[in-house]
Amino acid sequence: MTLSKLKYGDRAVITHIETPDNGAVAKLAARGIVPGTLVGILCAGDPFLIGIDNDRWALNLSEAACIHVDLVDRPRRGLRALFRRS
């Protein structure tokens, strides 16, 4: 799955970056967008706004399509999650 397929609120771990342009890989690496990094989708579309730790980065759709990820389960939120019986 690529980053471009994710929706608002999704979280994923980058598995690899697939592009023939070494300059693009270096640009992403300078931003901390490397395999093993956990990213959150703050805004889906073109551009994508992603969050990594306390940083936010905008990526165009073609950049997001080069970044392969594994989806991470969303944490439960809200009052129902707090009072859920196991």
PDB file of N, CA and C in Angstrom:
ATOM      1  N   MET A   1       0.853  -1.173   0.000  1.00  0.00           N
ATOM      2  CA  MET A   1       0.000   0.000   0.000  1.00  0.00           C
ATOM      3  C   MET A   1       0.898   1.234   0.000  1.00  0.00           C
ATOM      4  N   THR A   2       0.462   2.271  -0.694  1.00  0.00           N
ATOM      5  CA  THR A   2       1.247   3.504  -0.718  1.00  0.00           C
ATOM      6  C   THR A   2       0.592   4.572   0.155  1.00  0.00           C
ATOM      7  N   LEU A   3       1.381   5.547   0.504  1.00  0.00           N
ATOM      8  CA  LEU A   3       0.909   6.652   1.338  1.00  0.00           C
ATOM      9  C   LEU A   3      -0.267   7.376   0.683  1.00  0.00           C
ATOM     10  N   SER A   4      -0.288   7.422  -0.645  1.00  0.00           N
ATOM     11  CA  SER A   4      -1.348   8.131  -1.361  1.00  0.00           C
ATOM     12  C   SER A   4      -2.720   7.480  -1.189  1.00  0.00           C
ATOM     13  N   LYS A   5      -2.780   6.243  -0.728  1.00  0.00           N
ATOM     14  CA  LYS A   5      -4.053   5.530  -0.532  1.00  0.00           C
ATOM     15  C   LYS A   5      -4.643   5.733   0.860  1.00  0.00           C
ATOM     16  N   LEU A   6      -3.894   6.363   1.756  1.00  0.00           N
ATOM     17  CA  LEU A   6      -4.363   6.527   3.130  1.00  0.00           C
ATOM     18  C   LEU A   6      -5.347   7.682   3.246  1.00  0.00           C
ATOM     19  N   LYS A   7      -6.119   7.667   4.326  1.00  0.00           N
ATOM     20  CA  LYS A   7      -7.131   8.686   4.586  1.00  0.00           C
ATOM     21  C   LYS A   7      -6.762   9.473   5.833  1.00  0.00           C
ATOM     22  N   TYR A   8      -7.480  10.567   6.035  1.00  0.00           N
ATOM     23  CA  TYR A   8      -7.272  11.403   7.216  1.00  0.00           C
ATOM     24  C   TYR A   8      -7.362  10.553   8.481  1.00  0.00           C
ATOM     25  N   GLY A   9      -6.392  10.733   9.372  1.00  0.00           N
ATOM     26  CA  GLY A   9      -6.396  10.032  10.646  1.00  0.00           C
ATOM     27  C   GLY A   9      -5.670   8.703  10.636  1.00  0.00           C
ATOM     28  N   ASP A  10      -5.370   8.176   9.446  1.00  0.00           N
ATOM     29  CA  ASP A  10      -4.641   6.905   9.377  1.00  0.00           C
ATOM     30  C   ASP A  10      -3.216   7.096   9.861  1.00  0.00           C
ATOM     31  N   ARG A  11      -2.667   6.013  10.405  1.00  0.00           N
ATOM     32  CA  ARG A  11      -1.260   5.999  10.814  1.00  0.00           C
ATOM     33  C   ARG A  11      -0.613   4.797  10.154  1.00  0.00           C
ATOM     34  N   ALA A  12       0.641   4.962   9.744  1.00  0.00           N
ATOM     35  CA  ALA A  12       1.329   3.880   9.048  1.00  0.00           C
ATOM     36  C   ALA A  12       2.827   3.981   9.280  1.00  0.00           C
ATOM     37  N   VAL A  13       3.501   2.856   9.049  1.00  0.00           N
ATOM     38  CA  VAL A  13       4.958   2.805   9.128  1.00  0.00           C
ATOM     39  C   VAL A  13       5.491   2.683   7.707  1.00  0.00           C
ATOM     40  N   ILE A  14       6.467   3.514   7.371  1.00  0.00           N
ATOM     41  CA  ILE A  14       7.071   3.473   6.040  1.00  0.00           C
ATOM     42  C   ILE A  14       7.890   2.191   5.911  1.00  0.00           C
ATOM     43  N   THR A  15       7.641   1.428   4.832  1.00  0.00           N
ATOM     44  CA  THR A  15       8.391   0.193   4.595  1.00  0.00           C
ATOM     45  C   THR A  15       9.526   0.414   3.600  1.00  0.00           C
ATOM     46  N   HIS A  16       9.240   1.119   2.510  1.00  0.00           N
ATOM     47  CA  HIS A  16      10.285   1.462   1.545  1.00  0.00           C
ATOM     48  C   HIS A  16       9.808   2.577   0.624  1.00  0.00           C
ATOM     49  N   ILE A  17      10.772   3.181  -0.057  1.00  0.00           N
ATOM     50  CA  ILE A  17      10.485   4.265  -0.999  1.00  0.00           C
ATOM     51  C   ILE A  17      10.935   3.795  -2.368  1.00  0.00           C
ATOM     52  N   GLU A  18      10.022   3.829  -3.327  1.00  0.00           N
ATOM     53  CA  GLU A  18      10.288   3.294  -4.655  1.00  0.00           C
ATOM     54  C   GLU A  18      10.222   4.411  -5.695  1.00  0.00           C
ATOM     55  N   THR A  19      11.381   4.927  -6.071  1.00  0.00           N
ATOM     56  CA  THR A  19      11.472   5.949  -7.107  1.00  0.00           C
ATOM     57  C   THR A  19      12.848   5.865  -7.757  1.00  0.00           C
ATOM     58  N   PRO A  20      12.918   6.093  -9.064  1.00  0.00           N
ATOM     59  CA  PRO A  20      14.224   6.055  -9.734  1.00  0.00           C
ATOM     60  C   PRO A  20      15.061   7.307  -9.476  1.00  0.00           C
ATOM     61  N   ASP A  21      14.449   8.332  -8.919  1.00  0.00           N
ATOM     62  CA  ASP A  21      15.120   9.616  -8.692  1.00  0.00           C
ATOM     63  C   ASP A  21      15.807   9.622  -7.326  1.00  0.00           C
ATOM     64  N   ASN A  22      17.130   9.493  -7.327  1.00  0.00           N
ATOM     65  CA  ASN A  22      17.883   9.507  -6.063  1.00  0.00           C
ATOM     66  C   ASN A  22      17.781  10.849  -5.353  1.00  0.00           C
ATOM     67  N   GLY A  23      17.594  11.920  -6.111  1.00  0.00           N
ATOM     68  CA  GLY A  23      17.424  13.241  -5.505  1.00  0.00           C
ATOM     69  C   GLY A  23      16.160  13.318  -4.669  1.00  0.00           C
ATOM     70  N   ALA A  24      15.100  12.673  -5.154  1.00  0.00           N
ATOM     71  CA  ALA A  24      13.836  12.665  -4.409  1.00  0.00           C
ATOM     72  C   ALA A  24      13.980  11.869  -3.121  1.00  0.00           C
ATOM     73  N   VAL A  25      14.711  10.762  -3.188  1.00  0.00           N
ATOM     74  CA  VAL A  25      14.939   9.945  -1.991  1.00  0.00           C
ATOM     75  C   VAL A  25      15.732  10.742  -0.964  1.00  0.00           C
ATOM     76  N   ALA A  26      16.744  11.469  -1.418  1.00  0.00           N
ATOM     77  CA  ALA A  26      17.556  12.286  -0.510  1.00  0.00           C
ATOM     78  C   ALA A  26      16.724  13.407   0.111  1.00  0.00           C
ATOM     79  N   LYS A  27      15.845  14.012  -0.692  1.00  0.00           N
ATOM     80  CA  LYS A  27      14.974  15.085  -0.193  1.00  0.00           C
ATOM     81  C   LYS A  27      14.040  14.557   0.897  1.00  0.00           C
ATOM     82  N   LEU A  28      13.461  13.380   0.662  1.00  0.00           N
ATOM     83  CA  LEU A  28      12.577  12.777   1.659  1.00  0.00           C
ATOM     84  C   LEU A  28      13.353  12.391   2.916  1.00  0.00           C
ATOM     85  N   ALA A  29      14.546  11.839   2.730  1.00  0.00           N
ATOM     86  CA  ALA A  29      15.369  11.433   3.877  1.00  0.00           C
ATOM     87  C   ALA A  29      15.756  12.635   4.728  1.00  0.00           C
ATOM     88  N   ALA A  30      16.006  13.776   4.096  1.00  0.00           N
ATOM     89  CA  ALA A  30      16.351  14.987   4.842  1.00  0.00           C
ATOM     90  C   ALA A  30      15.196  15.446   5.726  1.00  0.00           C
ATOM     91  N   ARG A  31      13.982  15.094   5.349  1.00  0.00           N
ATOM     92  CA  ARG A  31      12.797  15.430   6.142  1.00  0.00           C
ATOM     93  C   ARG A  31      12.477  14.374   7.193  1.00  0.00           C
ATOM     94  N   GLY A  32      13.234  13.284   7.205  1.00  0.00           N
ATOM     95  CA  GLY A  32      12.960  12.207   8.153  1.00  0.00           C
ATOM     96  C   GLY A  32      11.994  11.175   7.622  1.00  0.00           C
ATOM     97  N   ILE A  33      11.703  11.245   6.328  1.00  0.00           N
ATOM     98  CA  ILE A  33      10.777  10.306   5.700  1.00  0.00           C
ATOM     99  C   ILE A  33      11.603   9.139   5.170  1.00  0.00           C
ATOM    100  N   VAL A  34      11.836   8.168   6.050  1.00  0.00           N
ATOM    101  CA  VAL A  34      12.686   7.014   5.757  1.00  0.00           C
ATOM    102  C   VAL A  34      11.982   5.747   6.250  1.00  0.00           C
ATOM    103  N   PRO A  35      12.387   4.578   5.734  1.00  0.00           N
ATOM    104  CA  PRO A  35      11.782   3.330   6.210  1.00  0.00           C
ATOM    105  C   PRO A  35      11.893   3.181   7.730  1.00  0.00           C
ATOM    106  N   GLY A  36      10.790   2.689   8.322  1.00  0.00           N
ATOM    107  CA  GLY A  36      10.728   2.497   9.766  1.00  0.00           C
ATOM    108  C   GLY A  36      10.083   3.647  10.510  1.00  0.00           C
ATOM    109  N   THR A  37       9.809   4.752   9.819  1.00  0.00           N
ATOM    110  CA  THR A  37       9.226   5.935  10.448  1.00  0.00           C
ATOM    111  C   THR A  37       7.706   5.816  10.522  1.00  0.00           C
ATOM    112  N   LEU A  38       7.136   6.173  11.668  1.00  0.00           N
ATOM    113  CA  LEU A  38       5.687   6.212  11.847  1.00  0.00           C
ATOM    114  C   LEU A  38       5.175   7.571  11.387  1.00  0.00           C
ATOM    115  N   VAL A  39       4.195   7.562  10.481  1.00  0.00           N
ATOM    116  CA  VAL A  39       3.616   8.807   9.978  1.00  0.00           C
ATOM    117  C   VAL A  39       2.113   8.811  10.233  1.00  0.00           C
ATOM    118  N   GLY A  40       1.570   9.992  10.436  1.00  0.00           N
ATOM    119  CA  GLY A  40       0.133  10.172  10.577  1.00  0.00           C
ATOM    120  C   GLY A  40      -0.370  11.074   9.472  1.00  0.00           C
ATOM    121  N   ILE A  41      -1.543  10.780   8.929  1.00  0.00           N
ATOM    122  CA  ILE A  41      -2.120  11.588   7.857  1.00  0.00           C
ATOM    123  C   ILE A  41      -2.954  12.699   8.491  1.00  0.00           C
ATOM    124  N   LEU A  42      -2.514  13.934   8.302  1.00  0.00           N
ATOM    125  CA  LEU A  42      -3.211  15.096   8.856  1.00  0.00           C
ATOM    126  C   LEU A  42      -4.180  15.703   7.848  1.00  0.00           C
ATOM    127  N   CYS A  43      -3.891  15.517   6.556  1.00  0.00           N
ATOM    128  CA  CYS A  43      -4.770  15.989   5.488  1.00  0.00           C
ATOM    129  C   CYS A  43      -4.501  15.128   4.261  1.00  0.00           C
ATOM    130  N   ALA A  44      -5.518  14.458   3.744  1.00  0.00           N
ATOM    131  CA  ALA A  44      -5.359  13.608   2.564  1.00  0.00           C
ATOM    132  C   ALA A  44      -5.814  14.373   1.332  1.00  0.00           C
ATOM    133  N   GLY A  45      -5.114  14.202   0.243  1.00  0.00           N
ATOM    134  CA  GLY A  45      -5.451  14.879  -1.003  1.00  0.00           C
ATOM    135  C   GLY A  45      -4.182  15.274  -1.712  1.00  0.00           C
ATOM    136  N   ASP A  46      -4.241  16.347  -2.446  1.00  0.00           N
ATOM    137  CA  ASP A  46      -3.048  16.851  -3.120  1.00  0.00           C
ATOM    138  C   ASP A  46      -2.929  18.332  -2.792  1.00  0.00           C
ATOM    139  N   PRO A  47      -2.084  18.708  -1.863  1.00  0.00           N
ATOM    140  CA  PRO A  47      -1.018  17.928  -1.242  1.00  0.00           C
ATOM    141  C   PRO A  47      -1.487  17.133  -0.024  1.00  0.00           C
ATOM    142  N   PHE A  48      -0.681  16.141   0.337  1.00  0.00           N
ATOM    143  CA  PHE A  48      -0.847  15.381   1.573  1.00  0.00           C
ATOM    144  C   PHE A  48      -0.126  16.132   2.672  1.00  0.00           C
ATOM    145  N   LEU A  49      -0.712  16.188   3.845  1.00  0.00           N
ATOM    146  CA  LEU A  49      -0.023  16.747   5.005  1.00  0.00           C
ATOM    147  C   LEU A  49       0.179  15.594   5.971  1.00  0.00           C
ATOM    148  N   ILE A  50       1.459  15.306   6.266  1.00  0.00           N
ATOM    149  CA  ILE A  50       1.767  14.197   7.161  1.00  0.00           C
ATOM    150  C   ILE A  50       2.458  14.720   8.405  1.00  0.00           C
ATOM    151  N   GLY A  51       2.304  13.987   9.485  1.00  0.00           N
ATOM    152  CA  GLY A  51       2.972  14.320  10.733  1.00  0.00           C
ATOM    153  C   GLY A  51       3.959  13.230  11.097  1.00  0.00           C
ATOM    154  N   ILE A  52       5.169  13.656  11.438  1.00  0.00           N
ATOM    155  CA  ILE A  52       6.215  12.752  11.919  1.00  0.00           C
ATOM    156  C   ILE A  52       6.738  13.369  13.202  1.00  0.00           C
ATOM    157  N   ASP A  53       6.533  12.685  14.316  1.00  0.00           N
ATOM    158  CA  ASP A  53       6.877  13.230  15.631  1.00  0.00           C
ATOM    159  C   ASP A  53       6.215  14.602  15.772  1.00  0.00           C
ATOM    160  N   ASN A  54       6.980  15.668  15.952  1.00  0.00           N
ATOM    161  CA  ASN A  54       6.413  17.013  16.088  1.00  0.00           C
ATOM    162  C   ASN A  54       6.518  17.828  14.811  1.00  0.00           C
ATOM    163  N   ASP A  55       6.909  17.199  13.713  1.00  0.00           N
ATOM    164  CA  ASP A  55       7.056  17.895  12.434  1.00  0.00           C
ATOM    165  C   ASP A  55       5.866  17.615  11.533  1.00  0.00           C
ATOM    166  N   ARG A  56       5.601  18.554  10.636  1.00  0.00           N
ATOM    167  CA  ARG A  56       4.562  18.391   9.617  1.00  0.00           C
ATOM    168  C   ARG A  56       5.188  18.659   8.262  1.00  0.00           C
ATOM    169  N   TRP A  57       4.863  17.802   7.295  1.00  0.00           N
ATOM    170  CA  TRP A  57       5.410  17.946   5.953  1.00  0.00           C
ATOM    171  C   TRP A  57       4.299  17.806   4.930  1.00  0.00           C
ATOM    172  N   ALA A  58       4.370  18.633   3.889  1.00  0.00           N
ATOM    173  CA  ALA A  58       3.433  18.535   2.773  1.00  0.00           C
ATOM    174  C   ALA A  58       4.113  17.775   1.642  1.00  0.00           C
ATOM    175  N   LEU A  59       3.402  16.813   1.084  1.00  0.00           N
ATOM    176  CA  LEU A  59       3.897  16.025  -0.040  1.00  0.00           C
ATOM    177  C   LEU A  59       2.881  16.098  -1.165  1.00  0.00           C
ATOM    178  N   ASN A  60       3.374  16.218  -2.418  1.00  0.00           N
ATOM    179  CA  ASN A  60       2.423  16.161  -3.520  1.00  0.00           C
ATOM    180  C   ASN A  60       2.037  14.705  -3.768  1.00  0.00           C
ATOM    181  N   LEU A  61       1.032  14.493  -4.583  1.00  0.00           N
ATOM    182  CA  LEU A  61       0.484  13.162  -4.793  1.00  0.00           C
ATOM    183  C   LEU A  61       1.511  12.207  -5.388  1.00  0.00           C
ATOM    184  N   SER A  62       2.366  12.686  -6.280  1.00  0.00           N
ATOM    185  CA  SER A  62       3.370  11.806  -6.887  1.00  0.00           C
ATOM    186  C   SER A  62       4.420  11.367  -5.867  1.00  0.00           C
ATOM    187  N   GLU A  63       4.776  12.239  -4.929  1.00  0.00           N
ATOM    188  CA  GLU A  63       5.708  11.849  -3.864  1.00  0.00           C
ATOM    189  C   GLU A  63       5.062  10.816  -2.945  1.00  0.00           C
ATOM    190  N   ALA A  64       3.810  11.045  -2.585  1.00  0.00           N
ATOM    191  CA  ALA A  64       3.099  10.124  -1.693  1.00  0.00           C
ATOM    192  C   ALA A  64       2.919   8.748  -2.335  1.00  0.00           C
ATOM    193  N   ALA A  65       2.796   8.709  -3.659  1.00  0.00           N
ATOM    194  CA  ALA A  65       2.611   7.438  -4.363  1.00  0.00           C
ATOM    195  C   ALA A  65       3.882   6.596  -4.388  1.00  0.00           C
ATOM    196  N   CYS A  66       5.029   7.190  -4.125  1.00  0.00           N
ATOM    197  CA  CYS A  66       6.313   6.467  -4.115  1.00  0.00           C
ATOM    198  C   CYS A  66       6.636   5.861  -2.758  1.00  0.00           C
ATOM    199  N   ILE A  67       5.900   6.253  -1.734  1.00  0.00           N
ATOM    200  CA  ILE A  67       6.204   5.832  -0.364  1.00  0.00           C
ATOM    201  C   ILE A  67       5.291   4.673   0.018  1.00  0.00           C
ATOM    202  N   HIS A  68       5.883   3.504   0.226  1.00  0.00           N
ATOM    203  CA  HIS A  68       5.127   2.304   0.594  1.00  0.00           C
ATOM    204  C   HIS A  68       5.063   2.187   2.114  1.00  0.00           C
ATOM    205  N   VAL A  69       3.882   1.812   2.604  1.00  0.00           N
ATOM    206  CA  VAL A  69       3.639   1.799   4.050  1.00  0.00           C
ATOM    207  C   VAL A  69       2.860   0.557   4.467  1.00  0.00           C
ATOM    208  N   ASP A  70       2.916   0.263   5.758  1.00  0.00           N
ATOM    209  CA  ASP A  70       2.045  -0.723   6.399  1.00  0.00           C
ATOM    210  C   ASP A  70       1.156   0.035   7.370  1.00  0.00           C
ATOM    211  N   LEU A  71      -0.145  -0.141   7.234  1.00  0.00           N
ATOM    212  CA  LEU A  71      -1.112   0.548   8.075  1.00  0.00           C
ATOM    213  C   LEU A  71      -1.013   0.060   9.515  1.00  0.00           C
ATOM    214  N   VAL A  72      -1.132   0.997  10.455  1.00  0.00           N
ATOM    215  CA  VAL A  72      -1.121   0.703  11.889  1.00  0.00           C
ATOM    216  C   VAL A  72      -2.541   0.903  12.393  1.00  0.00           C
ATOM    217  N   ASP A  73      -2.994   0.034  13.295  1.00  0.00           N
ATOM    218  CA  ASP A  73      -4.346   0.173  13.849  1.00  0.00           C
ATOM    219  C   ASP A  73      -4.508   1.526  14.510  1.00  0.00           C
ATOM    220  N   ARG A  74      -5.689   2.091  14.330  1.00  0.00           N
ATOM    221  CA  ARG A  74      -5.992   3.364  14.985  1.00  0.00           C
ATOM    222  C   ARG A  74      -6.260   3.123  16.462  1.00  0.00           C
ATOM    223  N   PRO A  75      -5.772   4.012  17.313  1.00  0.00           N
ATOM    224  CA  PRO A  75      -6.100   3.877  18.735  1.00  0.00           C
ATOM    225  C   PRO A  75      -7.564   4.239  18.968  1.00  0.00           C
ATOM    226  N   ARG A  76      -8.187   3.567  19.914  1.00  0.00           N
ATOM    227  CA  ARG A  76      -9.576   3.900  20.251  1.00  0.00           C
ATOM    228  C   ARG A  76      -9.598   5.217  21.009  1.00  0.00           C
ATOM    229  N   ARG A  77     -10.568   6.054  20.658  1.00  0.00           N
ATOM    230  CA  ARG A  77     -10.674   7.356  21.316  1.00  0.00           C
ATOM    231  C   ARG A  77     -12.110   7.591  21.740  1.00  0.00           C
ATOM    232  N   GLY A  78     -12.280   8.515  22.640  1.00  0.00           N
ATOM    233  CA  GLY A  78     -13.614   8.891  23.059  1.00  0.00           C
ATOM    234  C   GLY A  78     -14.028   8.201  24.343  1.00  0.00           C
ATOM    235  N   LEU A  79     -15.161   8.616  24.867  1.00  0.00           N
ATOM    236  CA  LEU A  79     -15.650   8.093  26.138  1.00  0.00           C
ATOM    237  C   LEU A  79     -15.987   6.613  26.068  1.00  0.00           C
ATOM    238  N   ARG A  80     -16.524   6.171  24.948  1.00  0.00           N
ATOM    239  CA  ARG A  80     -16.867   4.755  24.834  1.00  0.00           C
ATOM    240  C   ARG A  80     -15.630   3.878  24.983  1.00  0.00           C
ATOM    241  N   ALA A  81     -14.511   4.329  24.444  1.00  0.00           N
ATOM    242  CA  ALA A  81     -13.275   3.553  24.558  1.00  0.00           C
ATOM    243  C   ALA A  81     -12.793   3.498  26.006  1.00  0.00           C
ATOM    244  N   LEU A  82     -13.003   4.577  26.750  1.00  0.00           N
ATOM    245  CA  LEU A  82     -12.561   4.603  28.143  1.00  0.00           C
ATOM    246  C   LEU A  82     -13.351   3.643  29.016  1.00  0.00           C
ATOM    247  N   PHE A  83     -14.633   3.495  28.714  1.00  0.00           N
ATOM    248  CA  PHE A  83     -15.506   2.691  29.558  1.00  0.00           C
ATOM    249  C   PHE A  83     -15.887   1.360  28.920  1.00  0.00           C
ATOM    250  N   ARG A  84     -15.140   0.936  27.945  1.00  0.00           N
ATOM    251  CA  ARG A  84     -15.423  -0.323  27.262  1.00  0.00           C
ATOM    252  C   ARG A  84     -15.060  -1.501  28.157  1.00  0.00           C
ATOM    253  N   ARG A  85     -15.947  -2.478  28.202  1.00  0.00           N
ATOM    254  CA  ARG A  85     -15.675  -3.687  28.985  1.00  0.00           C
ATOM    255  C   ARG A  85     -14.869  -4.655  28.143  1.00  0.00           C
ATOM    256  N   SER A  86     -13.948  -5.318  28.782  1.00  0.00           N
ATOM    257  CA  SER A  86     -13.117  -6.295  28.063  1.00  0.00           C
ATOM    258  C   SER A  86     -13.775  -7.639  27.995  1.00  0.00           C
TER     259      SER A  86
END
